[in-house]
Amino acid sequence: QVQLVESGGGLVQAGGSLRLSCAASETIFTFETMGWYRQAPGQQRELVATIARGGTTTYADSVKGRFTISRDNAKNTVYLQMNSLKPEDTAVYFCNAGRNWRNFWGQGTQVTVSS
């Protein structure tokens, strides 16, 4: 089974930055799409950012201009650089990978942004 392990979460003050990492157990080039989702307390899981195999990226409107998704194929790792963090960014962030109409998920990493 594909394993995705997130890291880099933590507590940060508003306006600060964090960089999340998602390490995959397989070559990430085999996935059509990889991305980050987040789930805040009492809320549904929502899309944050995606990166396709060809490099095309998408972002939720709420994070455009602040977050950047990238990948390092040699390290089988996808990153989410989060700048200008806001309290509303507080959530558990999950890594996602898609291949052959299947989705794989990491266990999540907590991001907490204080005022």
N, C-alpha and C. Protein backbone atom coordinates (compact mmCIF):
# COMPACT_ATOMS: atom_id res chain seq x y z
N GLN A 1 0.84 -1.19 0.00
CA GLN A 1 0.00 0.00 0.00
C GLN A 1 0.88 1.24 0.00
N VAL A 2 0.42 2.29 -0.67
CA VAL A 2 1.13 3.55 -0.70
C VAL A 2 1.07 4.19 0.67
N GLN A 3 2.20 4.69 1.12
CA GLN A 3 2.27 5.39 2.39
C GLN A 3 2.69 6.83 2.16
N LEU A 4 1.98 7.74 2.80
CA LEU A 4 2.28 9.15 2.75
C LEU A 4 2.45 9.64 4.18
N VAL A 5 3.56 10.28 4.46
CA VAL A 5 3.86 10.73 5.81
C VAL A 5 4.09 12.23 5.80
N GLU A 6 3.23 12.96 6.51
CA GLU A 6 3.35 14.40 6.59
C GLU A 6 4.21 14.80 7.78
N SER A 7 4.86 15.93 7.65
CA SER A 7 5.63 16.49 8.75
C SER A 7 5.73 18.00 8.55
N GLY A 8 6.16 18.68 9.58
CA GLY A 8 6.38 20.11 9.49
C GLY A 8 5.34 20.97 10.16
N GLY A 9 4.27 20.37 10.64
CA GLY A 9 3.25 21.14 11.32
C GLY A 9 3.73 21.62 12.67
N GLY A 10 2.95 22.50 13.25
CA GLY A 10 3.30 23.03 14.56
C GLY A 10 2.50 24.26 14.89
N LEU A 11 2.95 24.95 15.90
CA LEU A 11 2.31 26.17 16.37
C LEU A 11 3.11 27.37 15.89
N VAL A 12 2.41 28.32 15.29
CA VAL A 12 3.07 29.51 14.76
C VAL A 12 2.16 30.71 14.97
N GLN A 13 2.75 31.86 15.14
CA GLN A 13 1.98 33.08 15.29
C GLN A 13 1.47 33.57 13.94
N ALA A 14 0.37 34.29 13.97
CA ALA A 14 -0.16 34.87 12.75
C ALA A 14 0.91 35.69 12.04
N GLY A 15 0.96 35.53 10.73
CA GLY A 15 1.97 36.20 9.94
C GLY A 15 3.23 35.39 9.73
N GLY A 16 3.35 34.30 10.45
CA GLY A 16 4.52 33.45 10.34
C GLY A 16 4.42 32.47 9.19
N SER A 17 5.40 31.58 9.13
CA SER A 17 5.49 30.63 8.03
C SER A 17 5.77 29.22 8.54
N LEU A 18 5.31 28.25 7.79
CA LEU A 18 5.61 26.86 8.02
C LEU A 18 5.79 26.18 6.67
N ARG A 19 6.59 25.14 6.66
CA ARG A 19 6.75 24.34 5.45
C ARG A 19 6.41 22.90 5.78
N LEU A 20 5.36 22.41 5.15
CA LEU A 20 4.94 21.03 5.34
C LEU A 20 5.59 20.14 4.30
N SER A 21 5.89 18.92 4.70
CA SER A 21 6.47 17.94 3.80
C SER A 21 5.60 16.69 3.77
N CYS A 22 5.53 16.08 2.62
CA CYS A 22 4.83 14.81 2.45
C CYS A 22 5.76 13.85 1.76
N ALA A 23 6.24 12.87 2.50
CA ALA A 23 7.15 11.88 1.95
C ALA A 23 6.37 10.65 1.53
N ALA A 24 6.54 10.24 0.29
CA ALA A 24 5.83 9.09 -0.26
C ALA A 24 6.72 7.86 -0.30
N SER A 25 6.09 6.71 -0.18
CA SER A 25 6.82 5.45 -0.21
C SER A 25 7.12 4.98 -1.63
N GLU A 26 6.56 5.66 -2.62
CA GLU A 26 6.76 5.32 -4.01
C GLU A 26 7.15 6.55 -4.79
N THR A 27 7.67 6.32 -5.98
CA THR A 27 8.05 7.43 -6.85
C THR A 27 6.83 8.30 -7.13
N ILE A 28 6.93 9.56 -6.76
CA ILE A 28 5.75 10.42 -6.86
C ILE A 28 5.39 10.75 -8.30
N PHE A 29 6.30 10.52 -9.23
CA PHE A 29 6.00 10.75 -10.64
C PHE A 29 4.91 9.81 -11.14
N THR A 30 4.68 8.70 -10.43
CA THR A 30 3.64 7.76 -10.84
C THR A 30 2.24 8.26 -10.51
N PHE A 31 2.13 9.29 -9.69
CA PHE A 31 0.83 9.83 -9.32
C PHE A 31 0.43 10.93 -10.29
N GLU A 32 -0.80 10.87 -10.77
CA GLU A 32 -1.29 11.91 -11.67
C GLU A 32 -1.36 13.25 -10.96
N THR A 33 -1.77 13.21 -9.72
CA THR A 33 -1.92 14.43 -8.94
C THR A 33 -1.53 14.17 -7.49
N MET A 34 -0.87 15.13 -6.90
CA MET A 34 -0.65 15.12 -5.47
C MET A 34 -1.11 16.46 -4.92
N GLY A 35 -1.47 16.46 -3.66
CA GLY A 35 -1.97 17.70 -3.12
C GLY A 35 -2.07 17.71 -1.62
N TRP A 36 -2.55 18.83 -1.14
CA TRP A 36 -2.76 19.05 0.28
C TRP A 36 -4.21 19.42 0.53
N TYR A 37 -4.78 18.81 1.53
CA TYR A 37 -6.11 19.14 2.02
C TYR A 37 -5.99 19.51 3.48
N ARG A 38 -7.01 20.16 4.00
CA ARG A 38 -7.01 20.47 5.42
C ARG A 38 -8.41 20.34 5.98
N GLN A 39 -8.47 20.08 7.27
CA GLN A 39 -9.73 19.94 7.95
C GLN A 39 -9.65 20.67 9.28
N ALA A 40 -10.44 21.72 9.40
CA ALA A 40 -10.51 22.48 10.63
C ALA A 40 -11.54 21.84 11.56
N PRO A 41 -11.46 22.13 12.84
CA PRO A 41 -12.42 21.56 13.79
C PRO A 41 -13.86 21.84 13.39
N GLY A 42 -14.66 20.80 13.33
CA GLY A 42 -16.06 20.94 12.98
C GLY A 42 -16.34 21.22 11.52
N GLN A 43 -15.32 21.15 10.67
CA GLN A 43 -15.48 21.46 9.26
C GLN A 43 -15.18 20.25 8.38
N GLN A 44 -15.62 20.34 7.15
CA GLN A 44 -15.32 19.31 6.17
C GLN A 44 -13.88 19.48 5.67
N ARG A 45 -13.33 18.39 5.20
CA ARG A 45 -12.01 18.46 4.61
C ARG A 45 -12.09 19.26 3.30
N GLU A 46 -11.16 20.18 3.12
CA GLU A 46 -11.18 21.02 1.94
C GLU A 46 -9.85 20.99 1.21
N LEU A 47 -9.93 21.20 -0.08
CA LEU A 47 -8.74 21.25 -0.92
C LEU A 47 -7.95 22.52 -0.64
N VAL A 48 -6.65 22.38 -0.50
CA VAL A 48 -5.76 23.52 -0.32
C VAL A 48 -4.97 23.80 -1.59
N ALA A 49 -4.29 22.78 -2.09
CA ALA A 49 -3.46 22.94 -3.27
C ALA A 49 -3.20 21.59 -3.90
N THR A 50 -2.98 21.59 -5.21
CA THR A 50 -2.63 20.37 -5.92
C THR A 50 -1.51 20.65 -6.90
N ILE A 51 -0.78 19.61 -7.22
CA ILE A 51 0.22 19.68 -8.27
C ILE A 51 0.11 18.43 -9.11
N ALA A 52 -0.06 18.61 -10.41
CA ALA A 52 -0.20 17.50 -11.33
C ALA A 52 1.17 16.99 -11.76
N ARG A 53 1.17 15.82 -12.36
CA ARG A 53 2.42 15.22 -12.80
C ARG A 53 3.19 16.14 -13.73
N GLY A 54 2.47 16.87 -14.57
CA GLY A 54 3.10 17.79 -15.49
C GLY A 54 3.54 19.10 -14.87
N GLY A 55 3.21 19.31 -13.60
CA GLY A 55 3.65 20.50 -12.90
C GLY A 55 2.60 21.56 -12.68
N THR A 56 1.43 21.40 -13.28
CA THR A 56 0.37 22.38 -13.11
C THR A 56 -0.12 22.39 -11.66
N THR A 57 -0.29 23.57 -11.11
CA THR A 57 -0.73 23.72 -9.73
C THR A 57 -2.08 24.41 -9.66
N THR A 58 -2.81 24.10 -8.61
CA THR A 58 -4.06 24.77 -8.31
C THR A 58 -4.07 25.10 -6.83
N TYR A 59 -4.83 26.15 -6.47
CA TYR A 59 -4.92 26.58 -5.09
C TYR A 59 -6.33 26.99 -4.75
N ALA A 60 -6.69 26.75 -3.51
CA ALA A 60 -7.93 27.31 -3.01
C ALA A 60 -7.81 28.83 -2.97
N ASP A 61 -8.92 29.50 -3.22
CA ASP A 61 -8.89 30.96 -3.22
C ASP A 61 -8.37 31.53 -1.90
N SER A 62 -8.65 30.84 -0.82
CA SER A 62 -8.28 31.34 0.49
C SER A 62 -6.78 31.34 0.75
N VAL A 63 -6.01 30.60 -0.06
CA VAL A 63 -4.58 30.51 0.17
C VAL A 63 -3.75 31.04 -0.98
N LYS A 64 -4.38 31.45 -2.06
CA LYS A 64 -3.65 31.97 -3.20
C LYS A 64 -2.80 33.17 -2.81
N GLY A 65 -1.56 33.15 -3.26
CA GLY A 65 -0.64 34.22 -2.94
C GLY A 65 0.10 34.03 -1.65
N ARG A 66 -0.34 33.08 -0.83
CA ARG A 66 0.30 32.82 0.45
C ARG A 66 0.96 31.45 0.52
N PHE A 67 0.33 30.46 -0.11
CA PHE A 67 0.84 29.09 -0.07
C PHE A 67 1.42 28.71 -1.43
N THR A 68 2.42 27.85 -1.41
CA THR A 68 3.02 27.34 -2.63
C THR A 68 3.26 25.85 -2.50
N ILE A 69 2.74 25.09 -3.45
CA ILE A 69 2.98 23.66 -3.47
C ILE A 69 4.12 23.37 -4.44
N SER A 70 4.97 22.45 -4.08
CA SER A 70 6.09 22.08 -4.92
C SER A 70 6.44 20.62 -4.67
N ARG A 71 7.34 20.10 -5.45
CA ARG A 71 7.74 18.71 -5.28
C ARG A 71 9.21 18.53 -5.58
N ASP A 72 9.76 17.47 -5.03
CA ASP A 72 11.12 17.05 -5.30
C ASP A 72 11.03 15.58 -5.66
N ASN A 73 11.05 15.29 -6.95
CA ASN A 73 10.88 13.91 -7.40
C ASN A 73 11.99 12.99 -6.88
N ALA A 74 13.20 13.51 -6.79
CA ALA A 74 14.32 12.70 -6.32
C ALA A 74 14.12 12.25 -4.88
N LYS A 75 13.44 13.08 -4.09
CA LYS A 75 13.20 12.76 -2.69
C LYS A 75 11.81 12.17 -2.45
N ASN A 76 11.04 12.02 -3.52
CA ASN A 76 9.67 11.51 -3.41
C ASN A 76 8.87 12.31 -2.38
N THR A 77 9.02 13.61 -2.45
CA THR A 77 8.42 14.48 -1.45
C THR A 77 7.71 15.66 -2.09
N VAL A 78 6.55 15.97 -1.55
CA VAL A 78 5.78 17.15 -1.93
C VAL A 78 5.77 18.11 -0.75
N TYR A 79 5.87 19.38 -1.05
CA TYR A 79 5.95 20.40 -0.01
C TYR A 79 4.79 21.37 -0.11
N LEU A 80 4.48 21.98 1.00
CA LEU A 80 3.54 23.09 1.03
C LEU A 80 4.17 24.20 1.85
N GLN A 81 4.64 25.23 1.18
CA GLN A 81 5.18 26.39 1.85
C GLN A 81 4.03 27.32 2.20
N MET A 82 3.87 27.61 3.46
CA MET A 82 2.77 28.43 3.94
C MET A 82 3.33 29.71 4.55
N ASN A 83 3.02 30.82 3.93
CA ASN A 83 3.46 32.12 4.40
C ASN A 83 2.26 32.96 4.82
N SER A 84 2.54 33.99 5.57
CA SER A 84 1.49 34.91 6.02
C SER A 84 0.32 34.16 6.63
N LEU A 85 0.63 33.25 7.51
CA LEU A 85 -0.40 32.39 8.10
C LEU A 85 -1.40 33.19 8.92
N LYS A 86 -2.64 32.74 8.85
CA LYS A 86 -3.74 33.36 9.56
C LYS A 86 -4.36 32.35 10.52
N PRO A 87 -5.01 32.82 11.58
CA PRO A 87 -5.66 31.88 12.49
C PRO A 87 -6.63 30.93 11.79
N GLU A 88 -7.28 31.39 10.74
CA GLU A 88 -8.21 30.54 10.02
C GLU A 88 -7.53 29.43 9.22
N ASP A 89 -6.21 29.46 9.15
CA ASP A 89 -5.47 28.37 8.53
C ASP A 89 -5.30 27.19 9.48
N THR A 90 -5.67 27.37 10.72
CA THR A 90 -5.55 26.30 11.70
C THR A 90 -6.37 25.10 11.27
N ALA A 91 -5.72 23.96 11.18
CA ALA A 91 -6.37 22.74 10.72
C ALA A 91 -5.38 21.60 10.76
N VAL A 92 -5.89 20.41 10.56
CA VAL A 92 -5.04 19.27 10.28
C VAL A 92 -4.84 19.21 8.78
N TYR A 93 -3.61 19.17 8.35
CA TYR A 93 -3.29 19.16 6.93
C TYR A 93 -2.93 17.75 6.49
N PHE A 94 -3.58 17.30 5.42
CA PHE A 94 -3.41 15.96 4.91
C PHE A 94 -2.79 15.97 3.53
N CYS A 95 -1.87 15.07 3.31
CA CYS A 95 -1.30 14.86 2.00
C CYS A 95 -2.16 13.87 1.23
N ASN A 96 -2.29 14.10 -0.06
CA ASN A 96 -3.10 13.24 -0.92
C ASN A 96 -2.34 12.93 -2.20
N ALA A 97 -2.52 11.71 -2.67
CA ALA A 97 -1.94 11.30 -3.95
C ALA A 97 -2.98 10.53 -4.74
N GLY A 98 -3.07 10.80 -6.04
CA GLY A 98 -4.04 10.15 -6.89
C GLY A 98 -3.39 9.43 -8.04
N ARG A 99 -3.85 8.20 -8.29
CA ARG A 99 -3.33 7.38 -9.37
C ARG A 99 -4.39 6.37 -9.77
N ASN A 100 -4.67 6.27 -11.05
CA ASN A 100 -5.63 5.31 -11.57
C ASN A 100 -6.97 5.39 -10.84
N TRP A 101 -7.46 6.60 -10.68
CA TRP A 101 -8.73 6.89 -10.02
C TRP A 101 -8.77 6.47 -8.56
N ARG A 102 -7.63 6.25 -7.96
CA ARG A 102 -7.55 5.94 -6.54
C ARG A 102 -6.86 7.07 -5.79
N ASN A 103 -7.27 7.27 -4.57
CA ASN A 103 -6.70 8.30 -3.73
C ASN A 103 -6.07 7.69 -2.49
N PHE A 104 -4.91 8.21 -2.14
CA PHE A 104 -4.19 7.78 -0.95
C PHE A 104 -4.00 8.98 -0.03
N TRP A 105 -4.04 8.72 1.26
CA TRP A 105 -4.00 9.80 2.24
C TRP A 105 -2.95 9.54 3.31
N GLY A 106 -2.33 10.61 3.76
CA GLY A 106 -1.48 10.55 4.92
C GLY A 106 -2.30 10.68 6.19
N GLN A 107 -1.64 10.61 7.32
CA GLN A 107 -2.32 10.67 8.61
C GLN A 107 -2.59 12.10 9.07
N GLY A 108 -1.94 13.06 8.46
CA GLY A 108 -2.17 14.45 8.78
C GLY A 108 -1.15 15.03 9.74
N THR A 109 -0.99 16.32 9.65
CA THR A 109 -0.13 17.05 10.58
C THR A 109 -0.85 18.32 11.02
N GLN A 110 -0.80 18.59 12.30
CA GLN A 110 -1.54 19.71 12.87
C GLN A 110 -0.81 21.02 12.64
N VAL A 111 -1.55 22.00 12.16
CA VAL A 111 -1.06 23.37 12.03
C VAL A 111 -1.95 24.26 12.88
N THR A 112 -1.36 24.97 13.81
CA THR A 112 -2.11 25.88 14.66
C THR A 112 -1.51 27.27 14.56
N VAL A 113 -2.34 28.23 14.21
CA VAL A 113 -1.90 29.60 14.04
C VAL A 113 -2.56 30.45 15.11
N SER A 114 -1.77 31.06 15.95
CA SER A 114 -2.29 31.88 17.03
C SER A 114 -2.36 33.34 16.61
N SER A 115 -3.25 34.08 17.26
CA SER A 115 -3.41 35.49 16.97
C SER A 115 -2.28 36.31 17.56
